[in-house]
Amino acid sequence: MKVTRLAMPFALLATPLWAAELATGAQIADTITGNTVQGSMDSSGAYTEFYQSDGTIRAESYTGAWSIEGDTMCFDYGEGPAECWGLKIDGETVTWIKDGEDLGTGTVLPGNPNGY
């Protein structure tokens, strides 16, 4: 029993504490629907988007469509096929995951504070 107690802290250290699970489709929908996400993507920089409950994306200078497919959030901006992303959700913080890599982050803001 004593060996088990001593080994436990080392076993916990071997498991990365930062390895958050990807959100489910239901968690994504609950977090995103009717809210704004503001953040930055590695490939395109800063963004602020409002995700209407009807699947419309509204931003300052463009619109698009969003949907949940399985446990991913998909985006269609009318320029090619839709792209789907996994999300890690930690309170108001989201991390956008593509092909297993963290490629952007954002903060969920309640409602549509920018009036898009």
PDB file of N, CA and C in Angstrom:
ATOM      1  N   MET A   1       0.815  -1.185   0.000  1.00  0.00           N
ATOM      2  CA  MET A   1       0.000   0.000   0.000  1.00  0.00           C
ATOM      3  C   MET A   1       0.865   1.257   0.000  1.00  0.00           C
ATOM      4  N   LYS A   2       1.951   1.218   0.755  1.00  0.00           N
ATOM      5  CA  LYS A   2       2.843   2.357   0.831  1.00  0.00           C
ATOM      6  C   LYS A   2       3.485   2.660  -0.519  1.00  0.00           C
ATOM      7  N   VAL A   3       3.868   1.632  -1.260  1.00  0.00           N
ATOM      8  CA  VAL A   3       4.463   1.810  -2.585  1.00  0.00           C
ATOM      9  C   VAL A   3       3.466   2.482  -3.523  1.00  0.00           C
ATOM     10  N   THR A   4       2.203   2.080  -3.466  1.00  0.00           N
ATOM     11  CA  THR A   4       1.173   2.657  -4.329  1.00  0.00           C
ATOM     12  C   THR A   4       1.019   4.147  -4.063  1.00  0.00           C
ATOM     13  N   ARG A   5       0.996   4.550  -2.809  1.00  0.00           N
ATOM     14  CA  ARG A   5       0.859   5.967  -2.481  1.00  0.00           C
ATOM     15  C   ARG A   5       2.059   6.783  -2.959  1.00  0.00           C
ATOM     16  N   LEU A   6       3.233   6.213  -2.879  1.00  0.00           N
ATOM     17  CA  LEU A   6       4.413   6.919  -3.346  1.00  0.00           C
ATOM     18  C   LEU A   6       4.462   6.996  -4.868  1.00  0.00           C
ATOM     19  N   ALA A   7       3.954   6.008  -5.540  1.00  0.00           N
ATOM     20  CA  ALA A   7       3.974   5.988  -7.003  1.00  0.00           C
ATOM     21  C   ALA A   7       2.923   6.905  -7.607  1.00  0.00           C
ATOM     22  N   MET A   8       1.838   7.157  -6.896  1.00  0.00           N
ATOM     23  CA  MET A   8       0.728   7.954  -7.428  1.00  0.00           C
ATOM     24  C   MET A   8       1.159   9.343  -7.905  1.00  0.00           C
ATOM     25  N   PRO A   9       1.918  10.128  -7.125  1.00  0.00           N
ATOM     26  CA  PRO A   9       2.316  11.452  -7.619  1.00  0.00           C
ATOM     27  C   PRO A   9       3.133  11.381  -8.905  1.00  0.00           C
ATOM     28  N   PHE A  10       3.969  10.364  -9.033  1.00  0.00           N
ATOM     29  CA  PHE A  10       4.774  10.230 -10.243  1.00  0.00           C
ATOM     30  C   PHE A  10       3.919   9.834 -11.442  1.00  0.00           C
ATOM     31  N   ALA A  11       2.915   9.031 -11.218  1.00  0.00           N
ATOM     32  CA  ALA A  11       1.992   8.661 -12.298  1.00  0.00           C
ATOM     33  C   ALA A  11       1.243   9.888 -12.783  1.00  0.00           C
ATOM     34  N   LEU A  12       0.846  10.763 -11.872  1.00  0.00           N
ATOM     35  CA  LEU A  12       0.156  11.986 -12.265  1.00  0.00           C
ATOM     36  C   LEU A  12       1.066  12.909 -13.067  1.00  0.00           C
ATOM     37  N   LEU A  13       2.330  12.956 -12.713  1.00  0.00           N
ATOM     38  CA  LEU A  13       3.274  13.784 -13.461  1.00  0.00           C
ATOM     39  C   LEU A  13       3.477  13.275 -14.880  1.00  0.00           C
ATOM     40  N   ALA A  14       3.313  11.996 -15.095  1.00  0.00           N
ATOM     41  CA  ALA A  14       3.498  11.414 -16.424  1.00  0.00           C
ATOM     42  C   ALA A  14       2.333  11.752 -17.348  1.00  0.00           C
ATOM     43  N   THR A  15       1.189  12.154 -16.804  1.00  0.00           N
ATOM     44  CA  THR A  15       0.027  12.524 -17.599  1.00  0.00           C
ATOM     45  C   THR A  15       0.013  14.032 -17.757  1.00  0.00           C
ATOM     46  N   PRO A  16       0.086  14.552 -18.987  1.00  0.00           N
ATOM     47  CA  PRO A  16       0.111  16.001 -19.168  1.00  0.00           C
ATOM     48  C   PRO A  16      -1.179  16.629 -18.653  1.00  0.00           C
ATOM     49  N   LEU A  17      -1.059  17.595 -17.774  1.00  0.00           N
ATOM     50  CA  LEU A  17      -2.232  18.278 -17.242  1.00  0.00           C
ATOM     51  C   LEU A  17      -2.860  19.199 -18.270  1.00  0.00           C
ATOM     52  N   TRP A  18      -2.094  19.613 -19.275  1.00  0.00           N
ATOM     53  CA  TRP A  18      -2.604  20.515 -20.296  1.00  0.00           C
ATOM     54  C   TRP A  18      -3.310  19.783 -21.435  1.00  0.00           C
ATOM     55  N   ALA A  19      -3.355  18.497 -21.406  1.00  0.00           N
ATOM     56  CA  ALA A  19      -3.961  17.714 -22.489  1.00  0.00           C
ATOM     57  C   ALA A  19      -5.477  17.697 -22.336  1.00  0.00           C
ATOM     58  N   ALA A  20      -6.103  18.812 -22.633  1.00  0.00           N
ATOM     59  CA  ALA A  20      -7.553  18.916 -22.511  1.00  0.00           C
ATOM     60  C   ALA A  20      -8.228  18.089 -23.591  1.00  0.00           C
ATOM     61  N   GLU A  21      -9.384  17.589 -23.260  1.00  0.00           N
ATOM     62  CA  GLU A  21     -10.173  16.804 -24.206  1.00  0.00           C
ATOM     63  C   GLU A  21     -10.842  17.721 -25.217  1.00  0.00           C
ATOM     64  N   LEU A  22     -11.053  17.225 -26.425  1.00  0.00           N
ATOM     65  CA  LEU A  22     -11.814  17.978 -27.409  1.00  0.00           C
ATOM     66  C   LEU A  22     -13.272  18.018 -26.982  1.00  0.00           C
ATOM     67  N   ALA A  23     -13.930  19.113 -27.278  1.00  0.00           N
ATOM     68  CA  ALA A  23     -15.336  19.290 -26.930  1.00  0.00           C
ATOM     69  C   ALA A  23     -16.213  18.407 -27.813  1.00  0.00           C
ATOM     70  N   THR A  24     -17.358  18.014 -27.287  1.00  0.00           N
ATOM     71  CA  THR A  24     -18.348  17.289 -28.086  1.00  0.00           C
ATOM     72  C   THR A  24     -19.146  18.291 -28.908  1.00  0.00           C
ATOM     73  N   GLY A  25     -19.871  17.787 -29.886  1.00  0.00           N
ATOM     74  CA  GLY A  25     -20.721  18.654 -30.694  1.00  0.00           C
ATOM     75  C   GLY A  25     -21.712  19.426 -29.840  1.00  0.00           C
ATOM     76  N   ALA A  26     -22.293  18.765 -28.843  1.00  0.00           N
ATOM     77  CA  ALA A  26     -23.264  19.423 -27.956  1.00  0.00           C
ATOM     78  C   ALA A  26     -22.593  20.530 -27.145  1.00  0.00           C
ATOM     79  N   GLN A  27     -21.372  20.285 -26.658  1.00  0.00           N
ATOM     80  CA  GLN A  27     -20.650  21.314 -25.899  1.00  0.00           C
ATOM     81  C   GLN A  27     -20.312  22.503 -26.789  1.00  0.00           C
ATOM     82  N   ILE A  28     -19.912  22.222 -28.028  1.00  0.00           N
ATOM     83  CA  ILE A  28     -19.603  23.307 -28.967  1.00  0.00           C
ATOM     84  C   ILE A  28     -20.856  24.151 -29.197  1.00  0.00           C
ATOM     85  N   ALA A  29     -21.970  23.502 -29.506  1.00  0.00           N
ATOM     86  CA  ALA A  29     -23.212  24.222 -29.773  1.00  0.00           C
ATOM     87  C   ALA A  29     -23.635  25.049 -28.566  1.00  0.00           C
ATOM     88  N   ASP A  30     -23.558  24.479 -27.366  1.00  0.00           N
ATOM     89  CA  ASP A  30     -23.950  25.201 -26.150  1.00  0.00           C
ATOM     90  C   ASP A  30     -23.082  26.428 -25.914  1.00  0.00           C
ATOM     91  N   THR A  31     -21.802  26.331 -26.239  1.00  0.00           N
ATOM     92  CA  THR A  31     -20.863  27.426 -25.997  1.00  0.00           C
ATOM     93  C   THR A  31     -20.956  28.505 -27.070  1.00  0.00           C
ATOM     94  N   ILE A  32     -21.111  28.113 -28.318  1.00  0.00           N
ATOM     95  CA  ILE A  32     -20.983  29.036 -29.448  1.00  0.00           C
ATOM     96  C   ILE A  32     -22.308  29.694 -29.851  1.00  0.00           C
ATOM     97  N   THR A  33     -23.374  28.942 -29.864  1.00  0.00           N
ATOM     98  CA  THR A  33     -24.646  29.431 -30.399  1.00  0.00           C
ATOM     99  C   THR A  33     -25.111  30.718 -29.717  1.00  0.00           C
ATOM    100  N   GLY A  34     -25.350  31.740 -30.538  1.00  0.00           N
ATOM    101  CA  GLY A  34     -25.840  33.021 -30.039  1.00  0.00           C
ATOM    102  C   GLY A  34     -24.784  33.881 -29.379  1.00  0.00           C
ATOM    103  N   ASN A  35     -23.516  33.501 -29.528  1.00  0.00           N
ATOM    104  CA  ASN A  35     -22.418  34.245 -28.908  1.00  0.00           C
ATOM    105  C   ASN A  35     -21.382  34.676 -29.937  1.00  0.00           C
ATOM    106  N   THR A  36     -20.482  35.509 -29.489  1.00  0.00           N
ATOM    107  CA  THR A  36     -19.381  36.018 -30.305  1.00  0.00           C
ATOM    108  C   THR A  36     -18.087  35.390 -29.814  1.00  0.00           C
ATOM    109  N   VAL A  37     -17.196  35.066 -30.751  1.00  0.00           N
ATOM    110  CA  VAL A  37     -15.855  34.624 -30.375  1.00  0.00           C
ATOM    111  C   VAL A  37     -14.875  35.615 -30.995  1.00  0.00           C
ATOM    112  N   GLN A  38     -13.955  36.084 -30.160  1.00  0.00           N
ATOM    113  CA  GLN A  38     -12.942  37.048 -30.585  1.00  0.00           C
ATOM    114  C   GLN A  38     -11.580  36.471 -30.256  1.00  0.00           C
ATOM    115  N   GLY A  39     -10.690  36.462 -31.238  1.00  0.00           N
ATOM    116  CA  GLY A  39      -9.377  35.884 -30.977  1.00  0.00           C
ATOM    117  C   GLY A  39      -8.437  36.055 -32.134  1.00  0.00           C
ATOM    118  N   SER A  40      -7.558  35.058 -32.313  1.00  0.00           N
ATOM    119  CA  SER A  40      -6.557  35.116 -33.364  1.00  0.00           C
ATOM    120  C   SER A  40      -6.267  33.706 -33.878  1.00  0.00           C
ATOM    121  N   MET A  41      -6.132  33.597 -35.192  1.00  0.00           N
ATOM    122  CA  MET A  41      -5.762  32.345 -35.850  1.00  0.00           C
ATOM    123  C   MET A  41      -4.325  32.474 -36.347  1.00  0.00           C
ATOM    124  N   ASP A  42      -3.578  31.385 -36.254  1.00  0.00           N
ATOM    125  CA  ASP A  42      -2.186  31.404 -36.691  1.00  0.00           C
ATOM    126  C   ASP A  42      -2.051  31.841 -38.150  1.00  0.00           C
ATOM    127  N   SER A  43      -2.966  31.378 -39.016  1.00  0.00           N
ATOM    128  CA  SER A  43      -2.820  31.638 -40.454  1.00  0.00           C
ATOM    129  C   SER A  43      -3.412  32.961 -40.925  1.00  0.00           C
ATOM    130  N   SER A  44      -4.401  33.508 -40.198  1.00  0.00           N
ATOM    131  CA  SER A  44      -5.074  34.697 -40.719  1.00  0.00           C
ATOM    132  C   SER A  44      -5.148  35.871 -39.751  1.00  0.00           C
ATOM    133  N   GLY A  45      -4.693  35.707 -38.535  1.00  0.00           N
ATOM    134  CA  GLY A  45      -4.676  36.824 -37.593  1.00  0.00           C
ATOM    135  C   GLY A  45      -5.968  36.985 -36.818  1.00  0.00           C
ATOM    136  N   ALA A  46      -6.231  38.224 -36.409  1.00  0.00           N
ATOM    137  CA  ALA A  46      -7.351  38.538 -35.530  1.00  0.00           C
ATOM    138  C   ALA A  46      -8.705  38.317 -36.216  1.00  0.00           C
ATOM    139  N   TYR A  47      -9.681  37.918 -35.415  1.00  0.00           N
ATOM    140  CA  TYR A  47     -11.054  37.747 -35.908  1.00  0.00           C
ATOM    141  C   TYR A  47     -12.029  38.041 -34.776  1.00  0.00           C
ATOM    142  N   THR A  48     -13.232  38.440 -35.153  1.00  0.00           N
ATOM    143  CA  THR A  48     -14.366  38.562 -34.241  1.00  0.00           C
ATOM    144  C   THR A  48     -15.587  38.129 -35.038  1.00  0.00           C
ATOM    145  N   GLU A  49     -16.256  37.055 -34.588  1.00  0.00           N
ATOM    146  CA  GLU A  49     -17.411  36.521 -35.309  1.00  0.00           C
ATOM    147  C   GLU A  49     -18.559  36.245 -34.343  1.00  0.00           C
ATOM    148  N   PHE A  50     -19.774  36.603 -34.791  1.00  0.00           N
ATOM    149  CA  PHE A  50     -21.001  36.298 -34.057  1.00  0.00           C
ATOM    150  C   PHE A  50     -21.663  35.110 -34.735  1.00  0.00           C
ATOM    151  N   TYR A  51     -22.030  34.079 -33.951  1.00  0.00           N
ATOM    152  CA  TYR A  51     -22.597  32.839 -34.476  1.00  0.00           C
ATOM    153  C   TYR A  51     -24.089  32.773 -34.149  1.00  0.00           C
ATOM    154  N   GLN A  52     -24.901  33.181 -35.115  1.00  0.00           N
ATOM    155  CA  GLN A  52     -26.352  33.174 -34.934  1.00  0.00           C
ATOM    156  C   GLN A  52     -26.866  31.745 -34.799  1.00  0.00           C
ATOM    157  N   SER A  53     -27.993  31.594 -34.133  1.00  0.00           N
ATOM    158  CA  SER A  53     -28.568  30.268 -33.927  1.00  0.00           C
ATOM    159  C   SER A  53     -29.050  29.626 -35.222  1.00  0.00           C
ATOM    160  N   ASP A  54     -29.274  30.424 -36.280  1.00  0.00           N
ATOM    161  CA  ASP A  54     -29.714  29.856 -37.565  1.00  0.00           C
ATOM    162  C   ASP A  54     -28.550  29.380 -38.427  1.00  0.00           C
ATOM    163  N   GLY A  55     -27.307  29.452 -37.900  1.00  0.00           N
ATOM    164  CA  GLY A  55     -26.141  28.985 -38.642  1.00  0.00           C
ATOM    165  C   GLY A  55     -25.432  30.071 -39.437  1.00  0.00           C
ATOM    166  N   THR A  56     -25.822  31.326 -39.260  1.00  0.00           N
ATOM    167  CA  THR A  56     -25.176  32.432 -39.953  1.00  0.00           C
ATOM    168  C   THR A  56     -24.019  32.958 -39.111  1.00  0.00           C
ATOM    169  N   ILE A  57     -22.904  33.249 -39.782  1.00  0.00           N
ATOM    170  CA  ILE A  57     -21.771  33.928 -39.155  1.00  0.00           C
ATOM    171  C   ILE A  57     -21.834  35.388 -39.588  1.00  0.00           C
ATOM    172  N   ARG A  58     -21.706  36.287 -38.633  1.00  0.00           N
ATOM    173  CA  ARG A  58     -21.650  37.715 -38.948  1.00  0.00           C
ATOM    174  C   ARG A  58     -20.365  38.285 -38.357  1.00  0.00           C
ATOM    175  N   ALA A  59     -19.680  39.055 -39.186  1.00  0.00           N
ATOM    176  CA  ALA A  59     -18.456  39.736 -38.766  1.00  0.00           C
ATOM    177  C   ALA A  59     -18.507  41.159 -39.299  1.00  0.00           C
ATOM    178  N   GLU A  60     -17.495  41.941 -39.016  1.00  0.00           N
ATOM    179  CA  GLU A  60     -17.501  43.344 -39.435  1.00  0.00           C
ATOM    180  C   GLU A  60     -17.594  43.499 -40.946  1.00  0.00           C
ATOM    181  N   SER A  61     -16.867  42.675 -41.702  1.00  0.00           N
ATOM    182  CA  SER A  61     -16.817  42.885 -43.152  1.00  0.00           C
ATOM    183  C   SER A  61     -17.152  41.646 -43.983  1.00  0.00           C
ATOM    184  N   TYR A  62     -17.747  40.620 -43.368  1.00  0.00           N
ATOM    185  CA  TYR A  62     -18.115  39.426 -44.121  1.00  0.00           C
ATOM    186  C   TYR A  62     -19.175  38.638 -43.370  1.00  0.00           C
ATOM    187  N   THR A  63     -19.759  37.697 -44.100  1.00  0.00           N
ATOM    188  CA  THR A  63     -20.702  36.754 -43.498  1.00  0.00           C
ATOM    189  C   THR A  63     -20.315  35.355 -43.947  1.00  0.00           C
ATOM    190  N   GLY A  64     -20.894  34.377 -43.320  1.00  0.00           N
ATOM    191  CA  GLY A  64     -20.639  32.993 -43.681  1.00  0.00           C
ATOM    192  C   GLY A  64     -21.678  32.114 -43.017  1.00  0.00           C
ATOM    193  N   ALA A  65     -21.393  30.829 -42.989  1.00  0.00           N
ATOM    194  CA  ALA A  65     -22.304  29.869 -42.357  1.00  0.00           C
ATOM    195  C   ALA A  65     -21.489  28.935 -41.472  1.00  0.00           C
ATOM    196  N   TRP A  66     -22.113  28.491 -40.383  1.00  0.00           N
ATOM    197  CA  TRP A  66     -21.471  27.530 -39.500  1.00  0.00           C
ATOM    198  C   TRP A  66     -22.446  26.409 -39.203  1.00  0.00           C
ATOM    199  N   SER A  67     -21.874  25.244 -38.872  1.00  0.00           N
ATOM    200  CA  SER A  67     -22.693  24.086 -38.503  1.00  0.00           C
ATOM    201  C   SER A  67     -21.854  23.173 -37.618  1.00  0.00           C
ATOM    202  N   ILE A  68     -22.539  22.288 -36.937  1.00  0.00           N
ATOM    203  CA  ILE A  68     -21.873  21.276 -36.130  1.00  0.00           C
ATOM    204  C   ILE A  68     -22.005  19.950 -36.874  1.00  0.00           C
ATOM    205  N   GLU A  69     -20.891  19.293 -37.126  1.00  0.00           N
ATOM    206  CA  GLU A  69     -20.886  17.970 -37.755  1.00  0.00           C
ATOM    207  C   GLU A  69     -20.108  17.034 -36.841  1.00  0.00           C
ATOM    208  N   GLY A  70     -20.829  16.110 -36.227  1.00  0.00           N
ATOM    209  CA  GLY A  70     -20.199  15.231 -35.243  1.00  0.00           C
ATOM    210  C   GLY A  70     -19.695  16.061 -34.084  1.00  0.00           C
ATOM    211  N   ASP A  71     -18.411  15.977 -33.809  1.00  0.00           N
ATOM    212  CA  ASP A  71     -17.798  16.751 -32.733  1.00  0.00           C
ATOM    213  C   ASP A  71     -16.885  17.842 -33.281  1.00  0.00           C
ATOM    214  N   THR A  72     -17.278  18.412 -34.427  1.00  0.00           N
ATOM    215  CA  THR A  72     -16.513  19.505 -35.019  1.00  0.00           C
ATOM    216  C   THR A  72     -17.433  20.663 -35.371  1.00  0.00           C
ATOM    217  N   MET A  73     -16.847  21.844 -35.492  1.00  0.00           N
ATOM    218  CA  MET A  73     -17.558  23.034 -35.951  1.00  0.00           C
ATOM    219  C   MET A  73     -17.049  23.336 -37.347  1.00  0.00           C
ATOM    220  N   CYS A  74     -17.993  23.468 -38.286  1.00  0.00           N
ATOM    221  CA  CYS A  74     -17.631  23.658 -39.691  1.00  0.00           C
ATOM    222  C   CYS A  74     -17.985  25.069 -40.137  1.00  0.00           C
ATOM    223  N   PHE A  75     -17.151  25.618 -41.016  1.00  0.00           N
ATOM    224  CA  PHE A  75     -17.283  26.984 -41.495  1.00  0.00           C
ATOM    225  C   PHE A  75     -17.345  26.990 -43.019  1.00  0.00           C
ATOM    226  N   ASP A  76     -18.257  27.795 -43.557  1.00  0.00           N
ATOM    227  CA  ASP A  76     -18.354  27.974 -45.004  1.00  0.00           C
ATOM    228  C   ASP A  76     -18.442  29.474 -45.265  1.00  0.00           C
ATOM    229  N   TYR A  77     -17.404  30.008 -45.874  1.00  0.00           N
ATOM    230  CA  TYR A  77     -17.357  31.428 -46.190  1.00  0.00           C
ATOM    231  C   TYR A  77     -17.603  31.678 -47.681  1.00  0.00           C
ATOM    232  N   GLY A  78     -18.067  30.640 -48.401  1.00  0.00           N
ATOM    233  CA  GLY A  78     -18.387  30.776 -49.810  1.00  0.00           C
ATOM    234  C   GLY A  78     -17.180  30.740 -50.728  1.00  0.00           C
ATOM    235  N   GLU A  79     -16.035  30.371 -50.209  1.00  0.00           N
ATOM    236  CA  GLU A  79     -14.797  30.331 -51.006  1.00  0.00           C
ATOM    237  C   GLU A  79     -14.211  28.929 -50.950  1.00  0.00           C
ATOM    238  N   GLY A  80     -14.904  27.971 -51.508  1.00  0.00           N
ATOM    239  CA  GLY A  80     -14.411  26.597 -51.472  1.00  0.00           C
ATOM    240  C   GLY A  80     -15.208  25.770 -50.496  1.00  0.00           C
ATOM    241  N   PRO A  81     -14.764  24.552 -50.260  1.00  0.00           N
ATOM    242  CA  PRO A  81     -15.514  23.665 -49.362  1.00  0.00           C
ATOM    243  C   PRO A  81     -15.435  24.122 -47.902  1.00  0.00           C
ATOM    244  N   ALA A  82     -16.434  23.728 -47.133  1.00  0.00           N
ATOM    245  CA  ALA A  82     -16.440  24.038 -45.702  1.00  0.00           C
ATOM    246  C   ALA A  82     -15.250  23.366 -45.026  1.00  0.00           C
ATOM    247  N   GLU A  83     -14.724  24.013 -43.998  1.00  0.00           N
ATOM    248  CA  GLU A  83     -13.643  23.447 -43.187  1.00  0.00           C
ATOM    249  C   GLU A  83     -14.171  23.172 -41.798  1.00  0.00           C
ATOM    250  N   CYS A  84     -13.835  22.019 -41.254  1.00  0.00           N
ATOM    251  CA  CYS A  84     -14.300  21.638 -39.923  1.00  0.00           C
ATOM    252  C   CYS A  84     -13.136  21.605 -38.941  1.00  0.00           C
ATOM    253  N   TRP A  85     -13.401  22.064 -37.731  1.00  0.00           N
ATOM    254  CA  TRP A  85     -12.382  22.198 -36.687  1.00  0.00           C
ATOM    255  C   TRP A  85     -12.871  21.565 -35.396  1.00  0.00           C
ATOM    256  N   GLY A  86     -11.959  20.966 -34.663  1.00  0.00           N
ATOM    257  CA  GLY A  86     -12.241  20.540 -33.305  1.00  0.00           C
ATOM    258  C   GLY A  86     -12.009  21.714 -32.379  1.00  0.00           C
ATOM    259  N   LEU A  87     -12.609  21.669 -31.212  1.00  0.00           N
ATOM    260  CA  LEU A  87     -12.424  22.732 -30.233  1.00  0.00           C
ATOM    261  C   LEU A  87     -12.082  22.162 -28.874  1.00  0.00           C
ATOM    262  N   LYS A  88     -11.221  22.859 -28.184  1.00  0.00           N
ATOM    263  CA  LYS A  88     -11.041  22.657 -26.752  1.00  0.00           C
ATOM    264  C   LYS A  88     -11.726  23.857 -26.115  1.00  0.00           C
ATOM    265  N   ILE A  89     -12.545  23.607 -25.121  1.00  0.00           N
ATOM    266  CA  ILE A  89     -13.265  24.683 -24.448  1.00  0.00           C
ATOM    267  C   ILE A  89     -12.890  24.653 -22.973  1.00  0.00           C
ATOM    268  N   ASP A  90     -12.418  25.783 -22.491  1.00  0.00           N
ATOM    269  CA  ASP A  90     -12.049  25.921 -21.084  1.00  0.00           C
ATOM    270  C   ASP A  90     -12.668  27.219 -20.575  1.00  0.00           C
ATOM    271  N   GLY A  91     -13.862  27.117 -20.020  1.00  0.00           N
ATOM    272  CA  GLY A  91     -14.583  28.316 -19.586  1.00  0.00           C
ATOM    273  C   GLY A  91     -14.938  29.158 -20.788  1.00  0.00           C
ATOM    274  N   GLU A  92     -14.418  30.381 -20.829  1.00  0.00           N
ATOM    275  CA  GLU A  92     -14.691  31.297 -21.939  1.00  0.00           C
ATOM    276  C   GLU A  92     -13.625  31.228 -23.029  1.00  0.00           C
ATOM    277  N   THR A  93     -12.639  30.364 -22.868  1.00  0.00           N
ATOM    278  CA  THR A  93     -11.547  30.257 -23.837  1.00  0.00           C
ATOM    279  C   THR A  93     -11.757  29.061 -24.750  1.00  0.00           C
ATOM    280  N   VAL A  94     -11.615  29.290 -26.056  1.00  0.00           N
ATOM    281  CA  VAL A  94     -11.673  28.191 -27.019  1.00  0.00           C
ATOM    282  C   VAL A  94     -10.329  28.102 -27.734  1.00  0.00           C
ATOM    283  N   THR A  95      -9.947  26.890 -28.066  1.00  0.00           N
ATOM    284  CA  THR A  95      -8.761  26.644 -28.874  1.00  0.00           C
ATOM    285  C   THR A  95      -9.208  25.881 -30.098  1.00  0.00           C
ATOM    286  N   TRP A  96      -8.847  26.372 -31.277  1.00  0.00           N
ATOM    287  CA  TRP A  96      -9.234  25.754 -32.544  1.00  0.00           C
ATOM    288  C   TRP A  96      -8.193  24.709 -32.920  1.00  0.00           C
ATOM    289  N   ILE A  97      -8.656  23.469 -33.200  1.00  0.00           N
ATOM    290  CA  ILE A  97      -7.775  22.336 -33.479  1.00  0.00           C
ATOM    291  C   ILE A  97      -8.013  21.838 -34.907  1.00  0.00           C
ATOM    292  N   LYS A  98      -6.943  21.716 -35.663  1.00  0.00           N
ATOM    293  CA  LYS A  98      -7.009  21.177 -37.027  1.00  0.00           C
ATOM    294  C   LYS A  98      -5.877  20.179 -37.177  1.00  0.00           C
ATOM    295  N   ASP A  99      -6.207  18.955 -37.596  1.00  0.00           N
ATOM    296  CA  ASP A  99      -5.207  17.907 -37.782  1.00  0.00           C
ATOM    297  C   ASP A  99      -4.335  17.715 -36.535  1.00  0.00           C
ATOM    298  N   GLY A 100      -4.958  17.797 -35.364  1.00  0.00           N
ATOM    299  CA  GLY A 100      -4.264  17.565 -34.113  1.00  0.00           C
ATOM    300  C   GLY A 100      -3.419  18.721 -33.607  1.00  0.00           C
ATOM    301  N   GLU A 101      -3.425  19.864 -34.306  1.00  0.00           N
ATOM    302  CA  GLU A 101      -2.611  21.007 -33.904  1.00  0.00           C
ATOM    303  C   GLU A 101      -3.481  22.161 -33.428  1.00  0.00           C
ATOM    304  N   ASP A 102      -3.039  22.854 -32.384  1.00  0.00           N
ATOM    305  CA  ASP A 102      -3.693  24.077 -31.917  1.00  0.00           C
ATOM    306  C   ASP A 102      -3.313  25.188 -32.889  1.00  0.00           C
ATOM    307  N   LEU A 103      -4.310  25.723 -33.621  1.00  0.00           N
ATOM    308  CA  LEU A 103      -4.003  26.724 -34.645  1.00  0.00           C
ATOM    309  C   LEU A 103      -4.674  28.072 -34.417  1.00  0.00           C
ATOM    310  N   GLY A 104      -5.286  28.243 -33.261  1.00  0.00           N
ATOM    311  CA  GLY A 104      -5.905  29.524 -32.950  1.00  0.00           C
ATOM    312  C   GLY A 104      -6.590  29.466 -31.600  1.00  0.00           C
ATOM    313  N   THR A 105      -6.870  30.645 -31.068  1.00  0.00           N
ATOM    314  CA  THR A 105      -7.564  30.741 -29.797  1.00  0.00           C
ATOM    315  C   THR A 105      -8.600  31.855 -29.867  1.00  0.00           C
ATOM    316  N   GLY A 106      -9.492  31.845 -28.911  1.00  0.00           N
ATOM    317  CA  GLY A 106     -10.485  32.899 -28.841  1.00  0.00           C
ATOM    318  C   GLY A 106     -11.146  32.942 -27.482  1.00  0.00           C
ATOM    319  N   THR A 107     -11.843  34.033 -27.252  1.00  0.00           N
ATOM    320  CA  THR A 107     -12.610  34.232 -26.031  1.00  0.00           C
ATOM    321  C   THR A 107     -14.069  34.376 -26.411  1.00  0.00           C
ATOM    322  N   VAL A 108     -14.934  33.639 -25.726  1.00  0.00           N
ATOM    323  CA  VAL A 108     -16.372  33.700 -25.983  1.00  0.00           C
ATOM    324  C   VAL A 108     -16.932  34.909 -25.252  1.00  0.00           C
ATOM    325  N   LEU A 109     -17.606  35.774 -26.015  1.00  0.00           N
ATOM    326  CA  LEU A 109     -18.274  36.943 -25.459  1.00  0.00           C
ATOM    327  C   LEU A 109     -19.777  36.707 -25.549  1.00  0.00           C
ATOM    328  N   PRO A 110     -20.538  36.981 -24.502  1.00  0.00           N
ATOM    329  CA  PRO A 110     -21.977  36.710 -24.546  1.00  0.00           C
ATOM    330  C   PRO A 110     -22.688  37.563 -25.582  1.00  0.00           C
ATOM    331  N   GLY A 111     -23.584  36.937 -26.344  1.00  0.00           N
ATOM    332  CA  GLY A 111     -24.414  37.661 -27.308  1.00  0.00           C
ATOM    333  C   GLY A 111     -23.640  38.246 -28.468  1.00  0.00           C
ATOM    334  N   ASN A 112     -24.125  39.394 -28.941  1.00  0.00           N
ATOM    335  CA  ASN A 112     -23.561  40.066 -30.109  1.00  0.00           C
ATOM    336  C   ASN A 112     -23.154  41.494 -29.716  1.00  0.00           C
ATOM    337  N   PRO A 113     -22.094  41.642 -28.916  1.00  0.00           N
ATOM    338  CA  PRO A 113     -21.744  42.958 -28.388  1.00  0.00           C
ATOM    339  C   PRO A 113     -21.363  43.991 -29.439  1.00  0.00           C
ATOM    340  N   ASN A 114     -20.985  43.534 -30.639  1.00  0.00           N
ATOM    341  CA  ASN A 114     -20.592  44.461 -31.713  1.00  0.00           C
ATOM    342  C   ASN A 114     -21.753  44.823 -32.631  1.00  0.00           C
ATOM    343  N   GLY A 115     -22.896  44.202 -32.435  1.00  0.00           N
ATOM    344  CA  GLY A 115     -24.064  44.514 -33.252  1.00  0.00           C
ATOM    345  C   GLY A 115     -23.952  44.070 -34.695  1.00  0.00           C
ATOM    346  N   TYR A 116     -23.265  42.968 -34.955  1.00  0.00           N
ATOM    347  CA  TYR A 116     -23.124  42.473 -36.337  1.00  0.00           C
ATOM    348  C   TYR A 116     -24.427  41.909 -36.834  1.00  0.00           C
TER     349      TYR A 116
END
